[in-house]
Amino acid sequence: ALVIDRRFDEETRAALGRYLDETARRLRSEWDGADVQPVLLEGGAAAMLVRYARRTCPALIVLTTHGHGGLSRLWLG
């Protein structure tokens, strides 16, 4: 039987949220206060990106997988 530790999900989401917030702060600074909104989407990457883009109509979407490899990349999609 597959056992899933929910703490891993919570800790991973929290770490990803911190990473996205820090990246957004850095980009705002480097891009003269650009309106950078970090968003963590969960689900199939293509479907979630299309849904998000249709709903929000952003000027630009930037994706990152920085710092993830192997099992993390597989788990995160």
C-alpha atoms as a PDB file:
ATOM      1  CA  ALA A   1       0.000   0.000   0.000  1.00  0.00           C
ATOM      2  CA  LEU A   2       1.184   3.491  -0.827  1.00  0.00           C
ATOM      3  CA  VAL A   3       1.590   5.705   2.225  1.00  0.00           C
ATOM      4  CA  ILE A   4       1.523   9.467   1.712  1.00  0.00           C
ATOM      5  CA  ASP A   5       2.844  11.750   4.424  1.00  0.00           C
ATOM      6  CA  ARG A   6       0.770  14.954   4.202  1.00  0.00           C
ATOM      7  CA  ARG A   7       3.504  16.862   6.052  1.00  0.00           C
ATOM      8  CA  PHE A   8       5.674  16.452   2.955  1.00  0.00           C
ATOM      9  CA  ASP A   9       2.987  18.184   0.865  1.00  0.00           C
ATOM     10  CA  GLU A  10       2.604  21.032   3.357  1.00  0.00           C
ATOM     11  CA  GLU A  11       6.350  21.511   3.798  1.00  0.00           C
ATOM     12  CA  THR A  12       6.938  21.400   0.050  1.00  0.00           C
ATOM     13  CA  ARG A  13       4.168  23.924  -0.662  1.00  0.00           C
ATOM     14  CA  ALA A  14       5.520  26.227   2.054  1.00  0.00           C
ATOM     15  CA  ALA A  15       9.056  25.995   0.656  1.00  0.00           C
ATOM     16  CA  LEU A  16       7.816  26.626  -2.883  1.00  0.00           C
ATOM     17  CA  GLY A  17       5.778  29.587  -1.676  1.00  0.00           C
ATOM     18  CA  ARG A  18       8.838  31.097   0.001  1.00  0.00           C
ATOM     19  CA  TYR A  19      10.899  30.517  -3.145  1.00  0.00           C
ATOM     20  CA  LEU A  20       8.254  32.170  -5.335  1.00  0.00           C
ATOM     21  CA  ASP A  21       7.870  35.140  -2.980  1.00  0.00           C
ATOM     22  CA  GLU A  22      11.632  35.711  -2.912  1.00  0.00           C
ATOM     23  CA  THR A  23      11.860  35.384  -6.698  1.00  0.00           C
ATOM     24  CA  ALA A  24       9.007  37.884  -7.115  1.00  0.00           C
ATOM     25  CA  ARG A  25      10.713  40.372  -4.760  1.00  0.00           C
ATOM     26  CA  ARG A  26      13.961  40.051  -6.709  1.00  0.00           C
ATOM     27  CA  LEU A  27      12.222  40.514 -10.062  1.00  0.00           C
ATOM     28  CA  ARG A  28      10.288  43.561  -8.835  1.00  0.00           C
ATOM     29  CA  SER A  29      13.583  45.073  -7.754  1.00  0.00           C
ATOM     30  CA  GLU A  30      15.395  44.234 -10.992  1.00  0.00           C
ATOM     31  CA  TRP A  31      12.467  45.265 -13.216  1.00  0.00           C
ATOM     32  CA  ASP A  32      11.850  48.668 -11.597  1.00  0.00           C
ATOM     33  CA  GLY A  33       8.787  47.696  -9.573  1.00  0.00           C
ATOM     34  CA  ALA A  34       7.097  45.535 -12.221  1.00  0.00           C
ATOM     35  CA  ASP A  35       3.795  43.973 -11.164  1.00  0.00           C
ATOM     36  CA  VAL A  36       5.059  40.447 -10.403  1.00  0.00           C
ATOM     37  CA  GLN A  37       2.480  38.104  -8.874  1.00  0.00           C
ATOM     38  CA  PRO A  38       3.788  34.718  -7.716  1.00  0.00           C
ATOM     39  CA  VAL A  39       1.255  31.916  -8.167  1.00  0.00           C
ATOM     40  CA  LEU A  40       1.640  28.257  -7.273  1.00  0.00           C
ATOM     41  CA  LEU A  41      -0.595  26.104  -9.457  1.00  0.00           C
ATOM     42  CA  GLU A  42      -1.247  22.459  -8.702  1.00  0.00           C
ATOM     43  CA  GLY A  43      -2.357  19.878 -11.237  1.00  0.00           C
ATOM     44  CA  GLY A  44      -1.466  19.074 -14.806  1.00  0.00           C
ATOM     45  CA  ALA A  45       0.879  21.825 -15.950  1.00  0.00           C
ATOM     46  CA  ALA A  46      -0.629  22.499 -19.382  1.00  0.00           C
ATOM     47  CA  ALA A  47      -4.260  22.456 -18.236  1.00  0.00           C
ATOM     48  CA  MET A  48      -3.576  24.610 -15.183  1.00  0.00           C
ATOM     49  CA  LEU A  49      -1.576  27.166 -17.172  1.00  0.00           C
ATOM     50  CA  VAL A  50      -4.301  27.474 -19.803  1.00  0.00           C
ATOM     51  CA  ARG A  51      -6.986  27.838 -17.126  1.00  0.00           C
ATOM     52  CA  TYR A  52      -4.934  30.450 -15.236  1.00  0.00           C
ATOM     53  CA  ALA A  53      -4.094  32.406 -18.398  1.00  0.00           C
ATOM     54  CA  ARG A  54      -7.725  32.484 -19.537  1.00  0.00           C
ATOM     55  CA  ARG A  55      -8.904  33.595 -16.124  1.00  0.00           C
ATOM     56  CA  THR A  56      -6.306  36.320 -15.507  1.00  0.00           C
ATOM     57  CA  CYS A  57      -5.039  37.386 -18.967  1.00  0.00           C
ATOM     58  CA  PRO A  58      -1.480  38.116 -17.772  1.00  0.00           C
ATOM     59  CA  ALA A  59       0.960  39.979 -19.995  1.00  0.00           C
ATOM     60  CA  LEU A  60       3.648  37.379 -19.303  1.00  0.00           C
ATOM     61  CA  ILE A  61       3.900  33.998 -17.593  1.00  0.00           C
ATOM     62  CA  VAL A  62       7.264  32.887 -16.247  1.00  0.00           C
ATOM     63  CA  LEU A  63       7.757  29.254 -15.249  1.00  0.00           C
ATOM     64  CA  THR A  64      10.408  27.828 -13.025  1.00  0.00           C
ATOM     65  CA  THR A  65      11.669  24.400 -12.068  1.00  0.00           C
ATOM     66  CA  HIS A  66      14.877  25.776 -10.551  1.00  0.00           C
ATOM     67  CA  GLY A  67      16.228  23.686  -7.752  1.00  0.00           C
ATOM     68  CA  HIS A  68      14.161  20.625  -8.490  1.00  0.00           C
ATOM     69  CA  GLY A  69      15.309  17.403 -10.006  1.00  0.00           C
ATOM     70  CA  GLY A  70      14.647  13.727  -9.915  1.00  0.00           C
ATOM     71  CA  LEU A  71      11.759  12.772  -7.642  1.00  0.00           C
ATOM     72  CA  SER A  72      10.810  16.402  -6.873  1.00  0.00           C
ATOM     73  CA  ARG A  73      10.488  17.255 -10.562  1.00  0.00           C
ATOM     74  CA  LEU A  74       8.412  14.134 -11.184  1.00  0.00           C
ATOM     75  CA  TRP A  75       6.169  14.861  -8.198  1.00  0.00           C
ATOM     76  CA  LEU A  76       5.754  18.547  -9.082  1.00  0.00           C
ATOM     77  CA  GLY A  77       5.140  17.881 -12.762  1.00  0.00           C
END
